Amino acid sequence: MDFIQQQFIDPISKVLYTYVLIYLLVGAGLYFTIRTRGIQFRRFGTMVRQLASSRSGSAEGISSFQAFCVGLASRVGTGNIAGVAIALTLGGPGAIFWMWCVALVGMATAAVEATLAQLFKVRGPDGAFRGGPAYYIQRGLRSRAGGVLFAVLLIVTFGFAFNMVQANTIADVLAQAHTVDQKWTAVVLMLLAAPVLFGGIRRVARVAEVVLPLMAGLYALLAVVIIVMNIGRVPEVIGWILGGAFGIGEAAAGVAGGVAAAMLNGVKRGLFSNEAGMGSAPNTAATATVSHPVKQGFVQSLGVFVDTMIVCTATAMIILMAGPDVYDPATPASSTGASLTQAAVQHELGSWSGWLMTVLVFVFAFSSVLGNYSYAEVNMTFLGAGPRALRVFRLLVLAAVGVGSVLALSAVWALADVAMALMALVNLVAIVLLGKWAFGAFRDYDRQVSAGLDPVFTDVDNPDLPGELPDSVWHTPGAVAVAGDRPQGSR
């Protein structure tokens, strides 16, 4: 595996991130930010209100809040705990600054891709909504081949590679902190995941909406306690982050590659964590029942903010606050991944917190397995998979979880990086080409809000759209609205 990684996976990853993805990702985010007039900033309050009033679902789909939680289940996982620690180890504190930048411009990208998923979604034979990049590539760009390519990449990335990463992180933490054999971890993970995965997307959504808000809140509280305990060091830590981002001072001294390393690792881990532009979250965003596509775009955009600006920042502050006994920006860290985060928490709060961190890492990573599977299931359905094929696929996903538990950490992350980059490239090109549809939906939303209305969407004779959507579920105004989808406008 080491030979394959060194000779094939690592060189491909370097080319994709160094010369292609970093520019396309940031460029697309800036483009969407400009074209939407900074929608992630001017509509931030609306995003929060939309999420707060979106608890009700329907027989046709899950609620907007459930879609948010499933998206958060996938986002808030190893990218937040292990990924941030890896970014600090390889890129120094400056990597956190670039993670913030990717997230802030990525919020606009997330709003666009989720809105497109809503616009081009379909109603399946069972009456439930389905959609995502594979659907808007096929229906919007008229490319079945492009849709199939994306679906295959997503299934490989989320169904297998990312779930191996999540399982690997859980096994790594249990092995290092509590000497639990990785093989036993693999067995337990597969037994726990099986009943949820075989229950389908709706069961995943029900589990996610209960577990994720509680665990994310607890983790944020943990970070606040540690920050308050070290409040005098906050300026120093912020200085490390800003200095490392631009190659200034001791924050960049121990990092090979300086600014380039900080930027590269910040973008890599930022994309893995918040998924903006990757084309993953739109798969569940499309299943939500809302009266206007933009409303779900707002909710998914807010998910990027929560993931990176709150949870990832919490991890960074925990590690940096622990000081040189755990992490010194001028020297390489002795541990990496989730183990570094766990060591930092134990250094600050004592050995008792080891089990608390183990539980948090386990829940975050396990919930990511569930969220990742839900994305993959949507794309299996797009490819025409029936009940029997889905059962086989679920067994293969469980097998990937077991295998991921016992593989080397570096090999798993390297494979996930390449798979993620290829998928993101396909999606970013697609949403740039289809951007005019999302921009039209944003104009329609703004126009209705300016008129004092609760926005309700239809594509029939809509002057803001470039045309009429093909075989659209939006032909009847408010056809997909549900009780509880209350006015959001500027109120």
Protein backbone atom coordinates (compact mmCIF):
# COMPACT_ATOMS: atom_id res chain seq x y z
CA MET A 1 0.00 0.00 0.00
CA ASP A 2 2.90 2.37 0.77
CA PHE A 3 4.31 1.83 -2.74
CA ILE A 4 0.97 2.60 -4.40
CA GLN A 5 0.54 5.69 -2.25
CA GLN A 6 4.02 7.06 -2.94
CA GLN A 7 4.14 6.27 -6.66
CA PHE A 8 0.57 6.99 -7.73
CA ILE A 9 -1.79 8.48 -5.14
CA ASP A 10 0.47 11.20 -3.70
CA PRO A 11 1.68 12.58 -7.10
CA ILE A 12 -1.90 12.76 -8.42
CA SER A 13 -3.05 14.47 -5.23
CA LYS A 14 -0.22 17.02 -5.45
CA VAL A 15 -1.09 17.97 -9.04
CA LEU A 16 -4.82 18.24 -8.34
CA TYR A 17 -4.47 20.41 -5.24
CA THR A 18 -1.42 22.46 -6.19
CA TYR A 19 -2.31 23.34 -9.76
CA VAL A 20 -6.05 22.81 -10.19
CA LEU A 21 -8.44 22.53 -7.27
CA ILE A 22 -7.14 25.28 -5.03
CA TYR A 23 -7.69 27.88 -7.77
CA LEU A 24 -11.01 26.49 -8.98
CA LEU A 25 -12.39 26.15 -5.46
CA VAL A 26 -11.49 29.65 -4.31
CA GLY A 27 -12.23 31.14 -7.73
CA ALA A 28 -15.71 29.62 -7.84
CA GLY A 29 -16.41 30.81 -4.30
CA LEU A 30 -15.35 34.37 -5.14
CA TYR A 31 -17.34 34.28 -8.39
CA PHE A 32 -20.51 33.16 -6.60
CA THR A 33 -19.93 35.67 -3.81
CA ILE A 34 -19.73 38.51 -6.34
CA ARG A 35 -22.64 37.31 -8.51
CA THR A 36 -24.93 36.86 -5.48
CA ARG A 37 -23.78 40.18 -3.96
CA GLY A 38 -22.33 38.44 -0.93
CA ILE A 39 -25.41 36.41 -0.14
CA GLN A 40 -23.65 34.60 2.72
CA PHE A 41 -23.18 37.94 4.48
CA ARG A 42 -26.27 39.96 3.58
CA ARG A 43 -28.64 37.04 4.25
CA PHE A 44 -26.89 35.51 7.26
CA GLY A 45 -29.73 36.42 9.63
CA THR A 46 -32.25 34.92 7.22
CA MET A 47 -30.24 31.69 7.18
CA VAL A 48 -30.52 31.37 10.95
CA ARG A 49 -34.26 32.14 10.92
CA GLN A 50 -34.89 29.68 8.09
CA LEU A 51 -33.19 26.89 10.01
CA ALA A 52 -35.06 27.70 13.21
CA SER A 53 -38.48 27.44 11.53
CA SER A 54 -37.92 24.38 9.35
CA ARG A 55 -38.73 21.42 11.58
CA SER A 56 -41.68 19.95 9.64
CA GLY A 57 -41.22 17.42 6.86
CA SER A 58 -43.74 15.59 4.67
CA ALA A 59 -44.36 12.25 3.03
CA GLU A 60 -42.42 13.56 0.02
CA GLY A 61 -39.22 14.36 1.85
CA ILE A 62 -37.41 15.13 5.06
CA SER A 63 -37.59 18.53 6.75
CA SER A 64 -35.16 21.32 5.97
CA PHE A 65 -33.75 20.94 9.48
CA GLN A 66 -33.26 17.20 9.02
CA ALA A 67 -31.44 17.84 5.73
CA PHE A 68 -29.24 20.33 7.59
CA CYS A 69 -28.48 17.74 10.28
CA VAL A 70 -27.69 14.99 7.77
CA GLY A 71 -25.35 17.41 6.01
CA LEU A 72 -23.83 18.36 9.35
CA ALA A 73 -23.53 14.67 10.23
CA SER A 74 -21.26 14.20 7.24
CA ARG A 75 -19.40 17.50 7.72
CA VAL A 76 -18.87 17.36 11.48
CA GLY A 77 -16.67 14.30 11.66
CA THR A 78 -13.00 13.56 11.35
CA GLY A 79 -12.49 16.68 9.26
CA ASN A 80 -13.20 18.74 12.35
CA ILE A 81 -11.21 16.77 14.91
CA ALA A 82 -8.59 14.74 13.05
CA GLY A 83 -8.47 16.88 9.89
CA VAL A 84 -7.79 20.14 11.71
CA ALA A 85 -5.05 18.46 13.74
CA ILE A 86 -3.47 17.13 10.54
CA ALA A 87 -3.69 20.59 8.96
CA LEU A 88 -1.86 22.07 11.97
CA THR A 89 0.81 19.36 11.85
CA LEU A 90 1.51 19.67 8.12
CA GLY A 91 0.68 23.32 7.47
CA GLY A 92 1.16 25.00 10.85
CA PRO A 93 -1.30 27.42 12.51
CA GLY A 94 -1.58 29.39 9.26
CA ALA A 95 -3.59 26.53 7.73
CA ILE A 96 -6.49 27.55 9.98
CA PHE A 97 -6.64 31.00 8.37
CA TRP A 98 -6.94 29.43 4.93
CA MET A 99 -9.62 27.08 6.22
CA TRP A 100 -11.58 30.16 7.30
CA CYS A 101 -11.15 31.77 3.88
CA VAL A 102 -12.31 28.63 2.08
CA ALA A 103 -15.35 28.46 4.36
CA LEU A 104 -16.39 32.10 3.97
CA VAL A 105 -16.30 32.07 0.18
CA GLY A 106 -17.53 28.48 0.19
CA MET A 107 -20.76 29.53 1.89
CA ALA A 108 -21.82 31.14 -1.39
CA THR A 109 -20.86 28.00 -3.30
CA ALA A 110 -22.89 25.87 -0.88
CA ALA A 111 -25.92 28.12 -1.32
CA VAL A 112 -25.68 27.84 -5.11
CA GLU A 113 -25.26 24.05 -5.27
CA ALA A 114 -28.08 23.40 -2.77
CA THR A 115 -30.39 25.76 -4.66
CA LEU A 116 -29.59 23.94 -7.91
CA ALA A 117 -30.32 20.62 -6.22
CA GLN A 118 -33.75 21.93 -5.24
CA LEU A 119 -34.45 23.41 -8.69
CA PHE A 120 -33.64 20.22 -10.60
CA LYS A 121 -34.91 17.63 -8.12
CA VAL A 122 -37.39 14.94 -9.16
CA ARG A 123 -40.16 13.00 -7.49
CA GLY A 124 -39.36 9.28 -7.42
CA PRO A 125 -41.76 6.36 -7.91
CA ASP A 126 -42.33 6.27 -4.15
CA GLY A 127 -43.31 9.96 -4.15
CA ALA A 128 -40.14 11.06 -2.34
CA PHE A 129 -37.91 13.84 -3.66
CA ARG A 130 -34.47 12.98 -5.01
CA GLY A 131 -31.76 15.19 -6.40
CA GLY A 132 -28.17 16.37 -6.27
CA PRO A 133 -25.33 17.03 -8.71
CA ALA A 134 -25.93 13.86 -10.74
CA TYR A 135 -29.48 15.05 -11.33
CA TYR A 136 -28.69 18.68 -12.15
CA ILE A 137 -25.85 17.62 -14.44
CA GLN A 138 -28.18 15.30 -16.33
CA ARG A 139 -31.24 17.58 -16.34
CA GLY A 140 -29.55 20.99 -16.47
CA LEU A 141 -26.56 20.24 -18.70
CA ARG A 142 -28.37 17.49 -20.62
CA SER A 143 -25.52 15.09 -19.91
CA ARG A 144 -26.41 11.62 -18.70
CA ALA A 145 -22.75 10.62 -18.99
CA GLY A 146 -21.71 13.53 -16.76
CA GLY A 147 -24.34 12.58 -14.19
CA VAL A 148 -23.19 8.98 -14.18
CA LEU A 149 -19.54 10.04 -13.81
CA PHE A 150 -20.36 12.19 -10.81
CA ALA A 151 -22.54 9.50 -9.24
CA VAL A 152 -19.77 6.91 -9.53
CA LEU A 153 -17.18 9.31 -8.07
CA LEU A 154 -19.46 10.16 -5.15
CA ILE A 155 -20.23 6.53 -4.41
CA VAL A 156 -16.51 5.70 -4.34
CA THR A 157 -15.69 8.82 -2.31
CA PHE A 158 -18.46 8.83 0.29
CA GLY A 159 -19.63 5.25 0.25
CA PHE A 160 -16.13 3.85 0.62
CA ALA A 161 -13.12 6.22 0.94
CA PHE A 162 -14.58 8.69 3.45
CA ASN A 163 -16.24 5.98 5.52
CA MET A 164 -12.86 4.25 5.74
CA VAL A 165 -11.43 7.55 7.03
CA GLN A 166 -14.14 7.87 9.70
CA ALA A 167 -13.65 4.28 10.86
CA ASN A 168 -9.88 4.75 10.83
CA THR A 169 -10.14 7.76 13.13
CA ILE A 170 -12.34 5.94 15.64
CA ALA A 171 -10.02 2.93 15.67
CA ASP A 172 -6.94 5.16 16.02
CA VAL A 173 -8.34 7.01 19.04
CA LEU A 174 -9.51 3.84 20.80
CA ALA A 175 -6.19 2.10 20.13
CA GLN A 176 -3.94 4.94 21.31
CA ALA A 177 -6.01 6.19 24.24
CA HIS A 178 -7.50 2.95 25.53
CA THR A 179 -5.46 0.17 23.84
CA VAL A 180 -8.54 -1.27 22.15
CA ASP A 181 -7.66 -3.70 19.37
CA GLN A 182 -8.59 -2.22 15.99
CA LYS A 183 -10.22 -5.47 14.89
CA TRP A 184 -12.72 -5.25 17.75
CA THR A 185 -13.44 -1.65 16.82
CA ALA A 186 -14.19 -2.76 13.27
CA VAL A 187 -16.68 -5.38 14.49
CA VAL A 188 -18.49 -2.96 16.83
CA LEU A 189 -18.73 -0.24 14.18
CA MET A 190 -20.23 -2.60 11.63
CA LEU A 191 -22.77 -3.92 14.14
CA LEU A 192 -23.84 -0.40 15.15
CA ALA A 193 -24.04 0.95 11.60
CA ALA A 194 -25.96 -1.94 10.05
CA PRO A 195 -29.46 -1.29 11.49
CA VAL A 196 -29.30 2.43 10.66
CA LEU A 197 -27.97 1.98 7.12
CA PHE A 198 -30.54 -0.68 6.32
CA GLY A 199 -33.25 1.75 7.44
CA GLY A 200 -32.39 4.13 4.60
CA ILE A 201 -32.14 7.93 4.43
CA ARG A 202 -35.15 8.66 6.63
CA ARG A 203 -33.72 6.66 9.54
CA VAL A 204 -30.35 8.36 9.08
CA ALA A 205 -32.15 11.74 9.20
CA ARG A 206 -34.01 10.86 12.41
CA VAL A 207 -30.80 9.79 14.14
CA ALA A 208 -28.85 12.82 12.89
CA GLU A 209 -31.37 15.45 14.02
CA VAL A 210 -31.18 14.12 17.59
CA VAL A 211 -27.48 13.35 17.97
CA LEU A 212 -25.67 16.07 16.01
CA PRO A 213 -26.95 19.27 17.66
CA LEU A 214 -26.28 17.79 21.10
CA MET A 215 -22.75 16.59 20.35
CA ALA A 216 -21.72 19.70 18.40
CA GLY A 217 -22.99 21.88 21.24
CA LEU A 218 -21.10 19.84 23.83
CA TYR A 219 -17.87 20.04 21.81
CA ALA A 220 -18.22 23.81 21.38
CA LEU A 221 -18.81 24.15 25.15
CA LEU A 222 -15.65 22.12 25.78
CA ALA A 223 -13.68 24.52 23.59
CA VAL A 224 -15.17 27.57 25.33
CA VAL A 225 -14.12 26.22 28.73
CA ILE A 226 -10.53 25.69 27.53
CA ILE A 227 -10.41 29.14 25.91
CA VAL A 228 -11.68 30.79 29.10
CA MET A 229 -9.06 28.90 31.11
CA ASN A 230 -6.39 30.34 28.79
CA ILE A 231 -7.98 33.69 27.95
CA GLY A 232 -4.67 35.52 28.28
CA ARG A 233 -3.17 33.45 25.46
CA VAL A 234 -5.85 34.29 22.88
CA PRO A 235 -3.86 37.16 21.26
CA GLU A 236 -0.79 34.91 21.01
CA VAL A 237 -2.77 32.11 19.35
CA ILE A 238 -4.43 34.50 16.89
CA GLY A 239 -0.95 35.83 16.12
CA TRP A 240 0.25 32.30 15.35
CA ILE A 241 -2.65 31.76 12.94
CA LEU A 242 -2.19 35.05 11.08
CA GLY A 243 1.61 34.87 11.14
CA GLY A 244 1.64 31.31 9.87
CA ALA A 245 -0.77 32.15 7.06
CA PHE A 246 1.71 34.66 5.64
CA GLY A 247 4.99 33.01 6.68
CA ILE A 248 5.77 35.42 9.52
CA GLY A 249 7.55 34.55 12.77
CA GLU A 250 7.89 31.32 14.73
CA ALA A 251 4.44 30.10 13.65
CA ALA A 252 5.93 29.24 10.26
CA ALA A 253 9.37 28.16 11.46
CA GLY A 254 8.71 24.44 11.78
CA VAL A 255 6.62 24.07 8.64
CA ALA A 256 8.27 22.86 5.46
CA GLY A 257 6.95 24.89 2.56
CA GLY A 258 5.88 27.93 4.59
CA VAL A 259 2.90 29.82 3.17
CA ALA A 260 2.35 27.26 0.41
CA ALA A 261 2.11 24.43 2.95
CA ALA A 262 -0.30 26.43 5.11
CA MET A 263 -2.50 27.30 2.14
CA LEU A 264 -2.44 23.81 0.63
CA ASN A 265 -3.29 22.01 3.85
CA GLY A 266 -5.86 24.60 4.85
CA VAL A 267 -7.68 24.17 1.54
CA LYS A 268 -7.44 20.36 1.64
CA ARG A 269 -8.70 19.97 5.16
CA GLY A 270 -11.20 22.82 4.75
CA LEU A 271 -12.79 21.17 1.74
CA PHE A 272 -12.85 17.78 3.46
CA SER A 273 -14.53 19.32 6.49
CA ASN A 274 -17.11 21.78 5.10
CA GLU A 275 -17.69 20.06 1.72
CA ALA A 276 -18.61 23.37 0.03
CA GLY A 277 -18.49 22.85 -3.72
CA MET A 278 -17.81 19.15 -3.40
CA GLY A 279 -21.34 18.21 -4.43
CA SER A 280 -22.13 16.10 -1.38
CA ALA A 281 -24.60 18.10 0.72
CA PRO A 282 -26.90 18.84 -2.28
CA ASN A 283 -27.86 15.17 -2.29
CA THR A 284 -29.80 15.60 0.95
CA ALA A 285 -30.64 19.26 0.35
CA ALA A 286 -32.75 18.14 -2.61
CA THR A 287 -34.86 15.84 -0.44
CA ALA A 288 -36.03 18.65 1.85
CA THR A 289 -39.54 20.07 1.48
CA VAL A 290 -39.46 23.88 1.20
CA SER A 291 -41.61 26.47 -0.57
CA HIS A 292 -38.63 28.05 -2.34
CA PRO A 293 -35.32 26.46 -3.46
CA VAL A 294 -33.27 29.33 -2.03
CA LYS A 295 -34.51 28.58 1.48
CA GLN A 296 -32.65 25.27 1.43
CA GLY A 297 -29.67 27.00 -0.12
CA PHE A 298 -29.55 29.25 2.94
CA VAL A 299 -29.73 26.30 5.32
CA GLN A 300 -26.87 24.44 3.63
CA SER A 301 -24.77 27.60 3.50
CA LEU A 302 -25.20 28.00 7.24
CA GLY A 303 -23.96 24.42 7.66
CA VAL A 304 -20.59 25.45 6.20
CA PHE A 305 -20.35 28.27 8.73
CA VAL A 306 -21.19 26.03 11.69
CA ASP A 307 -18.78 23.36 10.54
CA THR A 308 -15.68 25.47 9.92
CA MET A 309 -16.07 28.75 11.76
CA ILE A 310 -17.37 27.13 14.95
CA VAL A 311 -16.42 23.44 15.20
CA CYS A 312 -13.11 23.50 13.28
CA THR A 313 -12.07 26.71 15.03
CA ALA A 314 -12.89 25.07 18.36
CA THR A 315 -10.50 22.21 17.56
CA ALA A 316 -7.74 24.60 16.48
CA MET A 317 -8.07 26.68 19.65
CA ILE A 318 -8.03 23.56 21.85
CA ILE A 319 -4.75 22.35 20.29
CA LEU A 320 -3.04 25.74 20.15
CA MET A 321 -4.07 26.63 23.71
CA ALA A 322 -2.44 23.46 25.03
CA GLY A 323 0.98 24.98 24.44
CA PRO A 324 4.38 23.46 23.59
CA ASP A 325 3.87 20.39 25.80
CA VAL A 326 1.36 19.17 23.22
CA TYR A 327 1.86 21.32 20.13
CA ASP A 328 4.60 23.80 19.29
CA PRO A 329 4.29 25.53 15.90
CA ALA A 330 8.08 25.76 15.65
CA THR A 331 8.64 21.99 15.91
CA PRO A 332 6.93 18.95 14.38
CA ALA A 333 4.20 17.39 16.53
CA SER A 334 4.86 13.93 17.96
CA SER A 335 1.25 12.88 17.39
CA THR A 336 -1.27 13.70 14.70
CA GLY A 337 -4.93 13.31 13.79
CA ALA A 338 -7.55 12.88 16.48
CA SER A 339 -4.87 11.72 18.92
CA LEU A 340 -3.36 15.23 18.93
CA THR A 341 -6.74 16.80 19.69
CA GLN A 342 -7.37 14.28 22.44
CA ALA A 343 -3.93 14.90 23.96
CA ALA A 344 -4.62 18.65 23.99
CA VAL A 345 -7.95 18.24 25.80
CA GLN A 346 -6.44 15.90 28.39
CA HIS A 347 -3.55 18.32 28.94
CA GLU A 348 -6.02 21.11 29.74
CA LEU A 349 -8.78 19.26 31.59
CA GLY A 350 -7.06 16.19 33.00
CA SER A 351 -7.08 12.49 32.24
CA TRP A 352 -10.83 12.15 32.95
CA SER A 353 -11.55 14.01 29.71
CA GLY A 354 -9.96 11.23 27.67
CA TRP A 355 -13.14 9.18 27.75
CA LEU A 356 -15.26 12.25 26.97
CA MET A 357 -13.17 12.96 23.88
CA THR A 358 -13.35 9.32 22.88
CA VAL A 359 -17.14 9.46 23.00
CA LEU A 360 -17.21 12.72 21.02
CA VAL A 361 -14.84 11.43 18.34
CA PHE A 362 -16.81 8.20 18.13
CA VAL A 363 -20.16 9.97 17.74
CA PHE A 364 -18.85 12.54 15.24
CA ALA A 365 -17.14 9.94 13.08
CA PHE A 366 -19.99 7.45 13.35
CA SER A 367 -22.55 10.09 12.38
CA SER A 368 -20.37 10.92 9.38
CA VAL A 369 -20.57 7.30 8.28
CA LEU A 370 -24.37 7.63 8.32
CA GLY A 371 -24.36 10.96 6.49
CA ASN A 372 -21.88 9.71 3.91
CA TYR A 373 -24.01 6.66 3.24
CA SER A 374 -27.12 8.78 2.66
CA TYR A 375 -25.28 10.72 -0.08
CA ALA A 376 -24.16 7.49 -1.71
CA GLU A 377 -27.66 5.98 -1.59
CA VAL A 378 -29.10 8.92 -3.55
CA ASN A 379 -26.56 8.32 -6.29
CA MET A 380 -27.09 4.57 -6.30
CA THR A 381 -30.76 5.33 -6.93
CA PHE A 382 -29.77 7.71 -9.74
CA LEU A 383 -27.88 4.83 -11.37
CA GLY A 384 -31.03 2.72 -11.20
CA ALA A 385 -30.25 0.55 -8.19
CA GLY A 386 -33.25 -1.36 -6.86
CA PRO A 387 -33.86 -2.76 -3.35
CA ARG A 388 -31.62 -5.80 -3.92
CA ALA A 389 -28.71 -3.72 -5.26
CA LEU A 390 -29.04 -1.32 -2.34
CA ARG A 391 -28.85 -4.19 0.14
CA VAL A 392 -25.64 -5.41 -1.50
CA PHE A 393 -24.27 -1.86 -1.48
CA ARG A 394 -25.00 -1.49 2.24
CA LEU A 395 -23.05 -4.66 2.92
CA LEU A 396 -20.11 -3.32 0.90
CA VAL A 397 -20.20 -0.03 2.86
CA LEU A 398 -20.12 -1.98 6.11
CA ALA A 399 -17.13 -3.93 4.77
CA ALA A 400 -15.36 -0.65 3.93
CA VAL A 401 -15.93 0.52 7.51
CA GLY A 402 -14.33 -2.68 8.79
CA VAL A 403 -11.33 -2.47 6.44
CA GLY A 404 -10.81 1.23 7.17
CA SER A 405 -10.52 0.48 10.87
CA VAL A 406 -7.30 -1.49 10.39
CA LEU A 407 -5.51 0.39 7.56
CA ALA A 408 -2.67 2.89 8.03
CA LEU A 409 -3.94 6.44 8.60
CA SER A 410 -1.81 8.10 5.92
CA ALA A 411 -2.93 5.71 3.18
CA VAL A 412 -6.61 6.24 3.96
CA TRP A 413 -6.32 10.03 3.99
CA ALA A 414 -4.32 10.02 0.74
CA LEU A 415 -6.98 7.97 -1.05
CA ALA A 416 -9.76 10.20 0.28
CA ASP A 417 -7.93 13.35 -0.87
CA VAL A 418 -7.74 12.18 -4.49
CA ALA A 419 -11.31 10.92 -4.61
CA MET A 420 -12.57 14.17 -3.07
CA ALA A 421 -10.64 16.32 -5.55
CA LEU A 422 -11.95 14.51 -8.63
CA MET A 423 -15.54 14.73 -7.41
CA ALA A 424 -15.20 18.41 -6.54
CA LEU A 425 -13.78 19.21 -9.99
CA VAL A 426 -16.78 17.70 -11.77
CA ASN A 427 -19.26 19.47 -9.49
CA LEU A 428 -17.55 22.88 -9.57
CA VAL A 429 -17.53 22.93 -13.37
CA ALA A 430 -21.22 21.95 -13.39
CA ILE A 431 -22.42 24.59 -10.92
CA VAL A 432 -20.47 27.35 -12.68
CA LEU A 433 -22.16 26.38 -15.96
CA LEU A 434 -25.58 26.18 -14.28
CA GLY A 435 -25.07 29.22 -12.07
CA LYS A 436 -27.57 31.36 -14.05
CA TRP A 437 -30.42 29.17 -12.76
CA ALA A 438 -29.40 29.71 -9.14
CA PHE A 439 -28.88 33.44 -9.67
CA GLY A 440 -32.39 33.63 -11.13
CA ALA A 441 -33.81 31.86 -8.09
CA PHE A 442 -31.97 34.30 -5.80
CA ARG A 443 -33.44 37.26 -7.72
CA ASP A 444 -36.91 35.73 -7.46
CA TYR A 445 -36.47 35.29 -3.71
CA ASP A 446 -35.20 38.85 -3.20
CA ARG A 447 -38.03 40.28 -5.32
CA GLN A 448 -40.70 38.53 -3.25
CA VAL A 449 -39.09 39.52 0.04
CA SER A 450 -38.93 43.17 -1.14
CA ALA A 451 -42.67 42.94 -1.81
CA GLY A 452 -43.26 41.80 1.76
CA LEU A 453 -44.08 38.21 0.78
CA ASP A 454 -43.01 34.84 2.11
CA PRO A 455 -41.23 33.55 -1.03
CA VAL A 456 -43.06 30.76 -2.87
CA PHE A 457 -41.46 29.46 -6.05
CA THR A 458 -42.74 28.45 -9.46
CA ASP A 459 -40.77 28.15 -12.68
CA VAL A 460 -43.79 28.83 -14.92
CA ASP A 461 -43.49 32.26 -16.60
CA ASN A 462 -40.82 33.22 -14.08
CA PRO A 463 -39.01 36.30 -15.48
CA ASP A 464 -35.95 35.71 -13.30
CA LEU A 465 -35.12 32.28 -14.75
CA PRO A 466 -33.35 31.63 -18.06
CA GLY A 467 -36.19 29.28 -19.05
CA GLU A 468 -38.64 26.70 -17.78
CA LEU A 469 -37.28 23.75 -15.85
CA PRO A 470 -37.67 20.34 -17.56
CA ASP A 471 -40.39 18.12 -16.02
CA SER A 472 -40.24 20.27 -12.91
CA VAL A 473 -41.83 19.63 -9.52
CA TRP A 474 -42.07 23.44 -9.31
CA HIS A 475 -44.70 23.95 -12.03
CA THR A 476 -47.39 24.54 -9.38
CA PRO A 477 -46.65 27.47 -7.02
CA GLY A 478 -45.97 26.21 -3.50
CA ALA A 479 -46.41 22.59 -4.57
CA VAL A 480 -43.59 21.41 -2.35
CA ALA A 481 -44.25 23.72 0.61
CA VAL A 482 -45.03 22.20 3.98
CA ALA A 483 -46.53 23.34 7.23
CA GLY A 484 -43.86 24.97 9.34
CA ASP A 485 -42.03 26.50 6.36
CA ARG A 486 -42.84 29.96 7.65
CA PRO A 487 -42.05 33.44 6.32
CA GLN A 488 -38.34 34.16 6.26
CA GLY A 489 -37.89 37.41 4.33
CA SER A 490 -36.31 40.29 6.15
CA ARG A 491 -38.38 39.78 9.27
